[in-house]
C-alpha cells in the first residue's frame, strides 16, 4: 500500500519489500540522530496487520506460536514465530493484546499466507482472524519519545520504542503533530545496530531460531508443543545451530555497501577462498559508519578477519558459536 506520507517534503520512495513508504526524507543521518534522541516517527504503514479476536484467541495462538501467550497480559508486547515442521522460520509476528483482540504486525505482503495458515488451524476454537492492513497503519515512535499516542491507537511498547496500530485515515493528521518523519533506512540502520533480525533479511528457507538469537525473545523453551518444537528442543539440548548471526564493522573507505546476499570469505584466504557466510542487511550508521548483519558458519573463529565481497569487515559476536 502506498503511504500518503510520500507526499511530505523530501520524501524518496523505498524499493523492494519496503516499497510504499519513504526510504528517507532527504537527510539519512539527521533522521537517524532524531530517532536515537527519541524524537520523530517512522512510517511503517506498508506492513501487514492481522487481528485475532474471540474468547479462545490466546489459548489458540499458544498452540501455534513459539512464544508463551496463553496468559499474555493486556498491553504487554511480545514477539513470536511460526515454524515449519522441520523448525524453519516461516513467519515473525509482533504482538500485543488489547483486552479483546490480539494485534500483530508482520512483513509487508506476508499477511495473506499467515492468515491462510491460521484459518486452516481454527477447528472448533472460538476465534476470528482478520486482515486489518487496509484500515490500519503501523507507526513507530522511538524509545524516549514523548509524543502522545491517539486514543484510537493500539500501542505496543517495547525497549526500542512504541509501535502504534493507528486507523489509516488518521495517519496524515498524526504525522503533522508527531514529526519529524524518519525513513525506513534510518529505522533499519538502528535495527542493525541493535542486532535485531528481520524475517526475509536475516532469514532464508532453512533458518532456525537459534541462528539469529531469537531464543528467549521470540521462542519460549518451557511451553507446550507447537509445530517445529522438536527441532528447537533438539538443537537447544543436544547440539549447535549450523550458522550464527554476527555484527560487522565494514571498511569505511568503500563507496558502496555490500548488498544483501554478498558472499563472505576469510580475509586470509583471499578472493578465491570458500564462502563462509553472507551479508543479510547492510546500512550506513550515523555514528558507527558502514555496518552490517551477516550469517556465517558456526565454526568461523570470532576473531577472524572477514571480507564481504571486496570490503574488509571486523566481526562482533551476536550469537555465540
C-alpha atoms as a PDB file:
ATOM      1  CA  UNK A   1       0.000   0.000   0.000  1.00  0.00           C
ATOM      2  CA  UNK A   2       1.316   3.456  -0.926  1.00  0.00           C
ATOM      3  CA  UNK A   3       1.567   5.766   2.050  1.00  0.00           C
ATOM      4  CA  UNK A   4       0.148   9.295   1.827  1.00  0.00           C
ATOM      5  CA  UNK A   5       3.263  10.444   3.687  1.00  0.00           C
ATOM      6  CA  UNK A   6       5.246  10.027   0.461  1.00  0.00           C
ATOM      7  CA  UNK A   7       3.894  13.497  -0.304  1.00  0.00           C
ATOM      8  CA  UNK A   8       5.920  15.022   2.571  1.00  0.00           C
ATOM      9  CA  UNK A   9       8.792  17.340   1.526  1.00  0.00           C
ATOM     10  CA  UNK A  10      11.959  15.455   0.544  1.00  0.00           C
ATOM     11  CA  UNK A  11      10.366  12.007   0.583  1.00  0.00           C
ATOM     12  CA  UNK A  12      12.227   9.450  -1.524  1.00  0.00           C
ATOM     13  CA  UNK A  13      10.302   6.181  -2.027  1.00  0.00           C
ATOM     14  CA  UNK A  14      11.775   2.945  -0.708  1.00  0.00           C
ATOM     15  CA  UNK A  15      12.253  -0.018  -3.019  1.00  0.00           C
ATOM     16  CA  UNK A  16      11.887  -3.761  -2.736  1.00  0.00           C
ATOM     17  CA  UNK A  17       9.924  -5.218   0.151  1.00  0.00           C
ATOM     18  CA  UNK A  18       9.623  -1.776   1.771  1.00  0.00           C
ATOM     19  CA  UNK A  19       8.061  -0.176  -1.292  1.00  0.00           C
ATOM     20  CA  UNK A  20       5.155   2.043  -0.343  1.00  0.00           C
ATOM     21  CA  UNK A  21       6.842   4.128   2.349  1.00  0.00           C
ATOM     22  CA  UNK A  22       9.745   6.581   2.307  1.00  0.00           C
ATOM     23  CA  UNK A  23      13.339   5.391   2.257  1.00  0.00           C
ATOM     24  CA  UNK A  24      14.294   8.817   3.635  1.00  0.00           C
ATOM     25  CA  UNK A  25      13.189  12.427   3.647  1.00  0.00           C
ATOM     26  CA  UNK A  26      16.398  13.975   2.377  1.00  0.00           C
ATOM     27  CA  UNK A  27      18.854  13.539   5.264  1.00  0.00           C
ATOM     28  CA  UNK A  28      19.507   9.973   6.364  1.00  0.00           C
ATOM     29  CA  UNK A  29      21.870  10.798   9.234  1.00  0.00           C
ATOM     30  CA  UNK A  30      19.712  13.598  10.623  1.00  0.00           C
ATOM     31  CA  UNK A  31      16.786  11.185  10.660  1.00  0.00           C
ATOM     32  CA  UNK A  32      18.850   8.540  12.453  1.00  0.00           C
ATOM     33  CA  UNK A  33      20.042  11.032  15.074  1.00  0.00           C
ATOM     34  CA  UNK A  34      16.481  12.171  15.681  1.00  0.00           C
ATOM     35  CA  UNK A  35      15.317   8.601  16.296  1.00  0.00           C
ATOM     36  CA  UNK A  36      18.320   7.879  18.531  1.00  0.00           C
ATOM     37  CA  UNK A  37      17.435  11.003  20.541  1.00  0.00           C
ATOM     38  CA  UNK A  38      13.833   9.862  20.943  1.00  0.00           C
ATOM     39  CA  UNK A  39      12.181  12.268  18.548  1.00  0.00           C
ATOM     40  CA  UNK A  40      10.231  11.840  15.332  1.00  0.00           C
ATOM     41  CA  UNK A  41       8.485   8.771  13.998  1.00  0.00           C
ATOM     42  CA  UNK A  42       8.801   6.122  11.277  1.00  0.00           C
ATOM     43  CA  UNK A  43       6.025   5.370   8.805  1.00  0.00           C
ATOM     44  CA  UNK A  44       5.631   1.588   8.690  1.00  0.00           C
ATOM     45  CA  UNK A  45       2.182   1.689   7.119  1.00  0.00           C
ATOM     46  CA  UNK A  46       3.240  -0.797   4.435  1.00  0.00           C
ATOM     47  CA  UNK A  47       3.442  -3.620   6.987  1.00  0.00           C
ATOM     48  CA  UNK A  48       0.719  -6.221   7.213  1.00  0.00           C
ATOM     49  CA  UNK A  49      -1.701  -6.060  10.152  1.00  0.00           C
ATOM     50  CA  UNK A  50      -3.624  -9.099  11.417  1.00  0.00           C
ATOM     51  CA  UNK A  51      -6.035  -9.382  14.336  1.00  0.00           C
ATOM     52  CA  UNK A  52      -7.334 -12.407  16.212  1.00  0.00           C
ATOM     53  CA  UNK A  53     -10.490 -11.929  18.273  1.00  0.00           C
ATOM     54  CA  UNK A  54     -12.637 -14.292  20.302  1.00  0.00           C
ATOM     55  CA  UNK A  55     -12.625 -15.874  23.745  1.00  0.00           C
ATOM     56  CA  UNK A  56     -10.099 -18.545  22.754  1.00  0.00           C
ATOM     57  CA  UNK A  57      -7.635 -16.229  20.994  1.00  0.00           C
ATOM     58  CA  UNK A  58      -4.739 -16.524  23.463  1.00  0.00           C
ATOM     59  CA  UNK A  59      -5.076 -20.239  24.232  1.00  0.00           C
ATOM     60  CA  UNK A  60      -5.397 -20.973  20.498  1.00  0.00           C
ATOM     61  CA  UNK A  61      -2.400 -18.864  19.475  1.00  0.00           C
ATOM     62  CA  UNK A  62      -0.425 -20.504  22.265  1.00  0.00           C
ATOM     63  CA  UNK A  63      -0.756 -23.816  20.408  1.00  0.00           C
ATOM     64  CA  UNK A  64       0.575 -22.368  17.140  1.00  0.00           C
ATOM     65  CA  UNK A  65       3.285 -19.903  18.114  1.00  0.00           C
ATOM     66  CA  UNK A  66       6.772 -20.344  19.525  1.00  0.00           C
ATOM     67  CA  UNK A  67       6.003 -17.849  22.303  1.00  0.00           C
ATOM     68  CA  UNK A  68       4.133 -18.403  25.574  1.00  0.00           C
ATOM     69  CA  UNK A  69       0.974 -16.317  25.087  1.00  0.00           C
ATOM     70  CA  UNK A  70      -1.782 -18.206  26.906  1.00  0.00           C
ATOM     71  CA  UNK A  71      -1.558 -15.762  29.829  1.00  0.00           C
ATOM     72  CA  UNK A  72      -0.323 -12.720  27.915  1.00  0.00           C
ATOM     73  CA  UNK A  73      -1.292  -9.638  29.971  1.00  0.00           C
ATOM     74  CA  UNK A  74      -3.303  -6.924  28.266  1.00  0.00           C
ATOM     75  CA  UNK A  75      -0.983  -4.303  26.794  1.00  0.00           C
ATOM     76  CA  UNK A  76       2.208  -6.357  27.107  1.00  0.00           C
ATOM     77  CA  UNK A  77       4.209  -6.589  23.895  1.00  0.00           C
ATOM     78  CA  UNK A  78       5.783  -9.802  22.720  1.00  0.00           C
ATOM     79  CA  UNK A  79       7.045 -11.359  19.514  1.00  0.00           C
ATOM     80  CA  UNK A  80       6.643 -14.871  18.179  1.00  0.00           C
ATOM     81  CA  UNK A  81       7.445 -17.120  15.246  1.00  0.00           C
ATOM     82  CA  UNK A  82       5.622 -19.742  13.254  1.00  0.00           C
ATOM     83  CA  UNK A  83       7.880 -22.582  12.184  1.00  0.00           C
ATOM     84  CA  UNK A  84       7.670 -25.302   9.592  1.00  0.00           C
ATOM     85  CA  UNK A  85       7.508 -28.936  10.659  1.00  0.00           C
ATOM     86  CA  UNK A  86      11.298 -29.002  10.302  1.00  0.00           C
ATOM     87  CA  UNK A  87      11.773 -25.981  12.544  1.00  0.00           C
ATOM     88  CA  UNK A  88      12.497 -23.433   9.825  1.00  0.00           C
ATOM     89  CA  UNK A  89      11.133 -19.905  10.319  1.00  0.00           C
ATOM     90  CA  UNK A  90       8.065 -19.102   8.215  1.00  0.00           C
ATOM     91  CA  UNK A  91       6.507 -16.072   9.929  1.00  0.00           C
ATOM     92  CA  UNK A  92       7.506 -13.479  12.526  1.00  0.00           C
ATOM     93  CA  UNK A  93       4.717 -11.716  14.432  1.00  0.00           C
ATOM     94  CA  UNK A  94       4.992  -8.622  16.633  1.00  0.00           C
ATOM     95  CA  UNK A  95       2.076  -8.878  19.057  1.00  0.00           C
ATOM     96  CA  UNK A  96       0.006  -7.106  21.676  1.00  0.00           C
ATOM     97  CA  UNK A  97      -3.386  -7.946  23.160  1.00  0.00           C
ATOM     98  CA  UNK A  98      -5.747  -5.018  23.842  1.00  0.00           C
ATOM     99  CA  UNK A  99      -8.145  -6.995  26.024  1.00  0.00           C
ATOM    100  CA  UNK A 100     -10.460  -8.059  23.221  1.00  0.00           C
ATOM    101  CA  UNK A 101      -8.150  -8.679  20.240  1.00  0.00           C
ATOM    102  CA  UNK A 102      -4.590  -9.717  19.569  1.00  0.00           C
ATOM    103  CA  UNK A 103      -2.960  -7.289  17.147  1.00  0.00           C
ATOM    104  CA  UNK A 104       0.081  -8.324  15.121  1.00  0.00           C
ATOM    105  CA  UNK A 105       2.150  -6.586  12.504  1.00  0.00           C
ATOM    106  CA  UNK A 106       4.106  -8.696  10.040  1.00  0.00           C
ATOM    107  CA  UNK A 107       6.337  -8.298   6.998  1.00  0.00           C
ATOM    108  CA  UNK A 108       4.756  -6.466   4.051  1.00  0.00           C
ATOM    109  CA  UNK A 109       2.754  -8.847   1.888  1.00  0.00           C
ATOM    110  CA  UNK A 110       3.116 -11.822   4.240  1.00  0.00           C
ATOM    111  CA  UNK A 111      -0.263 -11.396   5.930  1.00  0.00           C
ATOM    112  CA  UNK A 112      -2.209 -13.353   3.319  1.00  0.00           C
ATOM    113  CA  UNK A 113      -0.125 -16.512   3.752  1.00  0.00           C
ATOM    114  CA  UNK A 114      -0.208 -16.087   7.524  1.00  0.00           C
ATOM    115  CA  UNK A 115      -3.996 -15.739   7.560  1.00  0.00           C
ATOM    116  CA  UNK A 116      -4.395 -18.767   5.303  1.00  0.00           C
ATOM    117  CA  UNK A 117      -2.383 -20.847   7.770  1.00  0.00           C
ATOM    118  CA  UNK A 118      -4.281 -19.526  10.784  1.00  0.00           C
ATOM    119  CA  UNK A 119      -7.636 -20.173   9.122  1.00  0.00           C
ATOM    120  CA  UNK A 120      -6.606 -23.759   8.423  1.00  0.00           C
ATOM    121  CA  UNK A 121      -5.943 -24.285  12.129  1.00  0.00           C
ATOM    122  CA  UNK A 122      -9.170 -22.839  13.608  1.00  0.00           C
ATOM    123  CA  UNK A 123     -11.074 -26.120  14.033  1.00  0.00           C
ATOM    124  CA  UNK A 124     -13.595 -25.702  16.873  1.00  0.00           C
ATOM    125  CA  UNK A 125     -11.883 -22.760  18.585  1.00  0.00           C
ATOM    126  CA  UNK A 126     -13.831 -19.545  19.147  1.00  0.00           C
ATOM    127  CA  UNK A 127     -11.605 -17.209  17.172  1.00  0.00           C
ATOM    128  CA  UNK A 128     -11.884 -14.875  14.206  1.00  0.00           C
ATOM    129  CA  UNK A 129      -8.885 -13.887  12.101  1.00  0.00           C
ATOM    130  CA  UNK A 130      -8.952 -10.660  10.094  1.00  0.00           C
ATOM    131  CA  UNK A 131      -6.677  -8.787   7.717  1.00  0.00           C
ATOM    132  CA  UNK A 132      -6.651  -5.200   9.009  1.00  0.00           C
ATOM    133  CA  UNK A 133      -3.939  -3.901   6.676  1.00  0.00           C
ATOM    134  CA  UNK A 134      -6.350  -1.823   4.575  1.00  0.00           C
ATOM    135  CA  UNK A 135      -7.688   0.145   7.544  1.00  0.00           C
ATOM    136  CA  UNK A 136      -4.741   0.143   9.977  1.00  0.00           C
ATOM    137  CA  UNK A 137      -1.322   1.758   9.635  1.00  0.00           C
ATOM    138  CA  UNK A 138       1.701   0.871  11.764  1.00  0.00           C
ATOM    139  CA  UNK A 139       3.756   3.818  13.044  1.00  0.00           C
ATOM    140  CA  UNK A 140       6.924   3.547  15.147  1.00  0.00           C
ATOM    141  CA  UNK A 141       7.852   6.027  17.875  1.00  0.00           C
ATOM    142  CA  UNK A 142      11.443   5.623  19.120  1.00  0.00           C
ATOM    143  CA  UNK A 143      12.408   4.882  22.715  1.00  0.00           C
ATOM    144  CA  UNK A 144      12.254   8.072  24.767  1.00  0.00           C
ATOM    145  CA  UNK A 145       9.617   9.707  22.590  1.00  0.00           C
ATOM    146  CA  UNK A 146       7.140  11.893  24.448  1.00  0.00           C
ATOM    147  CA  UNK A 147       4.720  12.028  21.516  1.00  0.00           C
ATOM    148  CA  UNK A 148       1.150  11.286  22.536  1.00  0.00           C
ATOM    149  CA  UNK A 149      -0.478   8.233  21.009  1.00  0.00           C
ATOM    150  CA  UNK A 150      -4.014   8.952  19.789  1.00  0.00           C
ATOM    151  CA  UNK A 151      -6.797   7.436  21.857  1.00  0.00           C
ATOM    152  CA  UNK A 152      -7.817   5.402  18.821  1.00  0.00           C
ATOM    153  CA  UNK A 153      -4.427   3.671  18.563  1.00  0.00           C
ATOM    154  CA  UNK A 154      -3.468   0.286  19.984  1.00  0.00           C
ATOM    155  CA  UNK A 155       0.006   0.671  21.482  1.00  0.00           C
ATOM    156  CA  UNK A 156       2.723  -1.964  21.527  1.00  0.00           C
ATOM    157  CA  UNK A 157       5.540  -0.771  23.820  1.00  0.00           C
ATOM    158  CA  UNK A 158       8.999  -2.365  23.591  1.00  0.00           C
ATOM    159  CA  UNK A 159      12.528  -1.466  24.772  1.00  0.00           C
ATOM    160  CA  UNK A 160      13.122   0.000  21.299  1.00  0.00           C
ATOM    161  CA  UNK A 161      10.058   2.238  21.264  1.00  0.00           C
ATOM    162  CA  UNK A 162       6.312   2.106  20.674  1.00  0.00           C
ATOM    163  CA  UNK A 163       4.541   0.602  17.692  1.00  0.00           C
ATOM    164  CA  UNK A 164       1.140   2.178  17.107  1.00  0.00           C
ATOM    165  CA  UNK A 165      -1.690   0.402  15.317  1.00  0.00           C
ATOM    166  CA  UNK A 166      -3.340   3.556  14.021  1.00  0.00           C
ATOM    167  CA  UNK A 167      -6.538   3.943  11.973  1.00  0.00           C
ATOM    168  CA  UNK A 168      -5.207   4.591   8.491  1.00  0.00           C
ATOM    169  CA  UNK A 169      -7.377   7.670   7.975  1.00  0.00           C
ATOM    170  CA  UNK A 170      -5.589   9.312  10.935  1.00  0.00           C
ATOM    171  CA  UNK A 171      -2.068   8.792   9.606  1.00  0.00           C
ATOM    172  CA  UNK A 172      -1.606  12.202   7.996  1.00  0.00           C
ATOM    173  CA  UNK A 173      -3.013  14.097  10.983  1.00  0.00           C
ATOM    174  CA  UNK A 174      -0.761  12.130  13.343  1.00  0.00           C
ATOM    175  CA  UNK A 175       2.306  12.830  11.178  1.00  0.00           C
ATOM    176  CA  UNK A 176       1.580  16.552  11.255  1.00  0.00           C
ATOM    177  CA  UNK A 177       1.981  16.671  15.041  1.00  0.00           C
ATOM    178  CA  UNK A 178       4.477  13.848  15.663  1.00  0.00           C
ATOM    179  CA  UNK A 179       7.307  14.876  13.293  1.00  0.00           C
ATOM    180  CA  UNK A 180       9.963  14.975  12.133  1.00  0.00           C
ATOM    181  CA  UNK A 181       9.435  11.976   9.871  1.00  0.00           C
ATOM    182  CA  UNK A 182      12.270   9.455   9.508  1.00  0.00           C
ATOM    183  CA  UNK A 183      12.522   6.987   6.653  1.00  0.00           C
ATOM    184  CA  UNK A 184      12.837   3.229   6.674  1.00  0.00           C
ATOM    185  CA  UNK A 185      16.613   3.431   6.043  1.00  0.00           C
ATOM    186  CA  UNK A 186      17.132   5.226   9.362  1.00  0.00           C
ATOM    187  CA  UNK A 187      14.938   2.663  11.096  1.00  0.00           C
ATOM    188  CA  UNK A 188      16.903  -0.183   9.502  1.00  0.00           C
ATOM    189  CA  UNK A 189      20.273   1.295  10.475  1.00  0.00           C
ATOM    190  CA  UNK A 190      19.234   1.373  14.122  1.00  0.00           C
ATOM    191  CA  UNK A 191      17.844  -2.161  13.833  1.00  0.00           C
ATOM    192  CA  UNK A 192      21.221  -3.358  12.584  1.00  0.00           C
ATOM    193  CA  UNK A 193      22.972  -1.546  15.444  1.00  0.00           C
ATOM    194  CA  UNK A 194      20.618  -3.285  17.889  1.00  0.00           C
ATOM    195  CA  UNK A 195      21.355  -6.706  16.321  1.00  0.00           C
ATOM    196  CA  UNK A 196      17.633  -7.356  15.735  1.00  0.00           C
ATOM    197  CA  UNK A 197      16.869  -9.883  12.979  1.00  0.00           C
ATOM    198  CA  UNK A 198      14.154  -9.325  10.394  1.00  0.00           C
ATOM    199  CA  UNK A 199      12.271 -12.000   8.511  1.00  0.00           C
ATOM    200  CA  UNK A 200      13.311 -12.165   4.872  1.00  0.00           C
ATOM    201  CA  UNK A 201      16.544 -10.305   5.549  1.00  0.00           C
ATOM    202  CA  UNK A 202      18.334 -12.355   8.201  1.00  0.00           C
ATOM    203  CA  UNK A 203      16.357 -15.474   7.246  1.00  0.00           C
ATOM    204  CA  UNK A 204      16.310 -17.816   4.282  1.00  0.00           C
ATOM    205  CA  UNK A 205      14.404 -21.043   3.629  1.00  0.00           C
ATOM    206  CA  UNK A 206      16.451 -23.022   6.164  1.00  0.00           C
ATOM    207  CA  UNK A 207      16.949 -20.576   9.047  1.00  0.00           C
ATOM    208  CA  UNK A 208      16.198 -21.854  12.549  1.00  0.00           C
ATOM    209  CA  UNK A 209      15.634 -19.520  15.528  1.00  0.00           C
ATOM    210  CA  UNK A 210      18.895 -20.365  17.321  1.00  0.00           C
ATOM    211  CA  UNK A 211      20.964 -18.920  14.473  1.00  0.00           C
ATOM    212  CA  UNK A 212      19.547 -15.423  14.968  1.00  0.00           C
ATOM    213  CA  UNK A 213      19.298 -15.127  18.744  1.00  0.00           C
ATOM    214  CA  UNK A 214      15.507 -15.435  18.698  1.00  0.00           C
ATOM    215  CA  UNK A 215      15.604 -17.977  21.550  1.00  0.00           C
ATOM    216  CA  UNK A 216      14.158 -16.208  24.569  1.00  0.00           C
ATOM    217  CA  UNK A 217      12.825 -13.152  22.773  1.00  0.00           C
ATOM    218  CA  UNK A 218      10.525 -14.941  20.306  1.00  0.00           C
ATOM    219  CA  UNK A 219      10.860 -18.604  21.351  1.00  0.00           C
ATOM    220  CA  UNK A 220       9.846 -19.830  24.802  1.00  0.00           C
ATOM    221  CA  UNK A 221      11.650 -23.035  25.726  1.00  0.00           C
ATOM    222  CA  UNK A 222       9.316 -24.169  28.517  1.00  0.00           C
ATOM    223  CA  UNK A 223       5.964 -24.047  26.740  1.00  0.00           C
ATOM    224  CA  UNK A 224       3.919 -26.863  25.258  1.00  0.00           C
ATOM    225  CA  UNK A 225       4.004 -28.422  21.827  1.00  0.00           C
ATOM    226  CA  UNK A 226       3.929 -26.420  18.596  1.00  0.00           C
ATOM    227  CA  UNK A 227       4.929 -27.166  15.041  1.00  0.00           C
ATOM    228  CA  UNK A 228       8.723 -27.337  14.760  1.00  0.00           C
ATOM    229  CA  UNK A 229       9.302 -27.680  18.502  1.00  0.00           C
ATOM    230  CA  UNK A 230      11.228 -30.934  18.077  1.00  0.00           C
ATOM    231  CA  UNK A 231      13.946 -29.163  16.100  1.00  0.00           C
ATOM    232  CA  UNK A 232      14.099 -26.303  18.597  1.00  0.00           C
ATOM    233  CA  UNK A 233      14.459 -28.683  21.540  1.00  0.00           C
ATOM    234  CA  UNK A 234      16.980 -30.933  19.803  1.00  0.00           C
ATOM    235  CA  UNK A 235      19.295 -28.078  18.848  1.00  0.00           C
ATOM    236  CA  UNK A 236      18.934 -26.441  22.244  1.00  0.00           C
ATOM    237  CA  UNK A 237      19.657 -29.603  24.215  1.00  0.00           C
ATOM    238  CA  UNK A 238      21.905 -31.708  22.012  1.00  0.00           C
ATOM    239  CA  UNK A 239      23.734 -29.549  19.515  1.00  0.00           C
ATOM    240  CA  UNK A 240      24.526 -26.182  17.998  1.00  0.00           C
ATOM    241  CA  UNK A 241      22.974 -24.339  15.044  1.00  0.00           C
ATOM    242  CA  UNK A 242      24.930 -24.595  11.785  1.00  0.00           C
ATOM    243  CA  UNK A 243      25.201 -20.801  11.416  1.00  0.00           C
ATOM    244  CA  UNK A 244      25.314 -17.757  13.674  1.00  0.00           C
ATOM    245  CA  UNK A 245      24.408 -14.093  13.360  1.00  0.00           C
ATOM    246  CA  UNK A 246      27.277 -11.584  13.544  1.00  0.00           C
ATOM    247  CA  UNK A 247      27.520  -7.802  13.521  1.00  0.00           C
ATOM    248  CA  UNK A 248      30.088  -6.388  11.112  1.00  0.00           C
ATOM    249  CA  UNK A 249      32.020  -3.141  11.040  1.00  0.00           C
ATOM    250  CA  UNK A 250      32.725  -2.535   7.355  1.00  0.00           C
ATOM    251  CA  UNK A 251      35.661  -0.712   5.787  1.00  0.00           C
ATOM    252  CA  UNK A 252      34.535   2.905   5.615  1.00  0.00           C
ATOM    253  CA  UNK A 253      36.713   3.750   2.636  1.00  0.00           C
ATOM    254  CA  UNK A 254      34.467   1.769   0.309  1.00  0.00           C
ATOM    255  CA  UNK A 255      31.852   3.814  -1.556  1.00  0.00           C
ATOM    256  CA  UNK A 256      29.315   1.021  -1.962  1.00  0.00           C
ATOM    257  CA  UNK A 257      27.823  -1.148   0.746  1.00  0.00           C
ATOM    258  CA  UNK A 258      27.883  -4.904   0.123  1.00  0.00           C
ATOM    259  CA  UNK A 259      24.275  -5.861  -0.692  1.00  0.00           C
ATOM    260  CA  UNK A 260      22.056  -8.487   0.854  1.00  0.00           C
ATOM    261  CA  UNK A 261      23.449 -11.870  -0.173  1.00  0.00           C
ATOM    262  CA  UNK A 262      27.033 -10.652  -0.703  1.00  0.00           C
ATOM    263  CA  UNK A 263      29.368 -13.567  -0.066  1.00  0.00           C
ATOM    264  CA  UNK A 264      31.696 -13.523   2.941  1.00  0.00           C
ATOM    265  CA  UNK A 265      35.110 -15.174   2.954  1.00  0.00           C
ATOM    266  CA  UNK A 266      38.022 -15.299   5.356  1.00  0.00           C
ATOM    267  CA  UNK A 267      40.382 -12.418   4.553  1.00  0.00           C
ATOM    268  CA  UNK A 268      43.416 -14.678   4.920  1.00  0.00           C
ATOM    269  CA  UNK A 269      42.077 -16.999   2.192  1.00  0.00           C
ATOM    270  CA  UNK A 270      41.952 -14.263  -0.451  1.00  0.00           C
ATOM    271  CA  UNK A 271      39.286 -13.705  -3.104  1.00  0.00           C
ATOM    272  CA  UNK A 272      39.301 -17.362  -4.135  1.00  0.00           C
ATOM    273  CA  UNK A 273      38.588 -18.651  -0.639  1.00  0.00           C
ATOM    274  CA  UNK A 274      35.464 -20.637   0.091  1.00  0.00           C
ATOM    275  CA  UNK A 275      32.249 -18.896   1.079  1.00  0.00           C
ATOM    276  CA  UNK A 276      31.671 -18.987   4.826  1.00  0.00           C
ATOM    277  CA  UNK A 277      28.610 -16.738   5.041  1.00  0.00           C
ATOM    278  CA  UNK A 278      26.676 -13.865   3.520  1.00  0.00           C
ATOM    279  CA  UNK A 279      25.505 -10.336   4.265  1.00  0.00           C
ATOM    280  CA  UNK A 280      21.881 -10.116   5.394  1.00  0.00           C
ATOM    281  CA  UNK A 281      21.467  -6.343   5.936  1.00  0.00           C
ATOM    282  CA  UNK A 282      23.960  -3.505   5.456  1.00  0.00           C
ATOM    283  CA  UNK A 283      23.485   0.115   6.468  1.00  0.00           C
ATOM    284  CA  UNK A 284      25.231   3.433   6.978  1.00  0.00           C
ATOM    285  CA  UNK A 285      25.046   4.363  10.649  1.00  0.00           C
ATOM    286  CA  UNK A 286      25.291   7.968  11.814  1.00  0.00           C
ATOM    287  CA  UNK A 287      27.968   7.127  14.413  1.00  0.00           C
ATOM    288  CA  UNK A 288      29.404   3.708  13.541  1.00  0.00           C
ATOM    289  CA  UNK A 289      29.751   4.244   9.804  1.00  0.00           C
ATOM    290  CA  UNK A 290      29.043   1.327   7.452  1.00  0.00           C
ATOM    291  CA  UNK A 291      27.795  -1.717   9.355  1.00  0.00           C
ATOM    292  CA  UNK A 292      26.009  -4.956   8.578  1.00  0.00           C
ATOM    293  CA  UNK A 293      24.425  -8.073   9.942  1.00  0.00           C
ATOM    294  CA  UNK A 294      25.549 -11.365   8.447  1.00  0.00           C
ATOM    295  CA  UNK A 295      25.129 -15.111   8.829  1.00  0.00           C
ATOM    296  CA  UNK A 296      28.368 -17.095   8.993  1.00  0.00           C
ATOM    297  CA  UNK A 297      29.201 -20.723   9.646  1.00  0.00           C
ATOM    298  CA  UNK A 298      29.210 -21.503  13.340  1.00  0.00           C
ATOM    299  CA  UNK A 299      32.850 -22.608  13.391  1.00  0.00           C
ATOM    300  CA  UNK A 300      34.233 -19.348  11.945  1.00  0.00           C
ATOM    301  CA  UNK A 301      36.639 -18.015  14.624  1.00  0.00           C
ATOM    302  CA  UNK A 302      35.185 -14.999  16.429  1.00  0.00           C
ATOM    303  CA  UNK A 303      38.390 -13.032  15.836  1.00  0.00           C
ATOM    304  CA  UNK A 304      38.752 -13.932  12.133  1.00  0.00           C
ATOM    305  CA  UNK A 305      39.156 -11.064   9.668  1.00  0.00           C
ATOM    306  CA  UNK A 306      36.469 -11.251   7.008  1.00  0.00           C
ATOM    307  CA  UNK A 307      35.834  -9.964   3.502  1.00  0.00           C
ATOM    308  CA  UNK A 308      32.333  -9.194   2.258  1.00  0.00           C
ATOM    309  CA  UNK A 309      32.964  -9.312  -1.479  1.00  0.00           C
ATOM    310  CA  UNK A 310      35.727  -6.659  -1.730  1.00  0.00           C
ATOM    311  CA  UNK A 311      35.000  -4.963   1.587  1.00  0.00           C
ATOM    312  CA  UNK A 312      37.016  -5.731   4.713  1.00  0.00           C
ATOM    313  CA  UNK A 313      34.901  -6.498   7.779  1.00  0.00           C
ATOM    314  CA  UNK A 314      35.552  -6.943  11.503  1.00  0.00           C
ATOM    315  CA  UNK A 315      33.000  -9.010  13.382  1.00  0.00           C
ATOM    316  CA  UNK A 316      31.276  -8.710  16.743  1.00  0.00           C
ATOM    317  CA  UNK A 317      29.582 -11.776  18.207  1.00  0.00           C
ATOM    318  CA  UNK A 318      25.798 -11.722  18.374  1.00  0.00           C
ATOM    319  CA  UNK A 319      25.104 -15.450  18.661  1.00  0.00           C
ATOM    320  CA  UNK A 320      27.782 -17.421  20.485  1.00  0.00           C
ATOM    321  CA  UNK A 321      29.481 -20.184  18.437  1.00  0.00           C
END
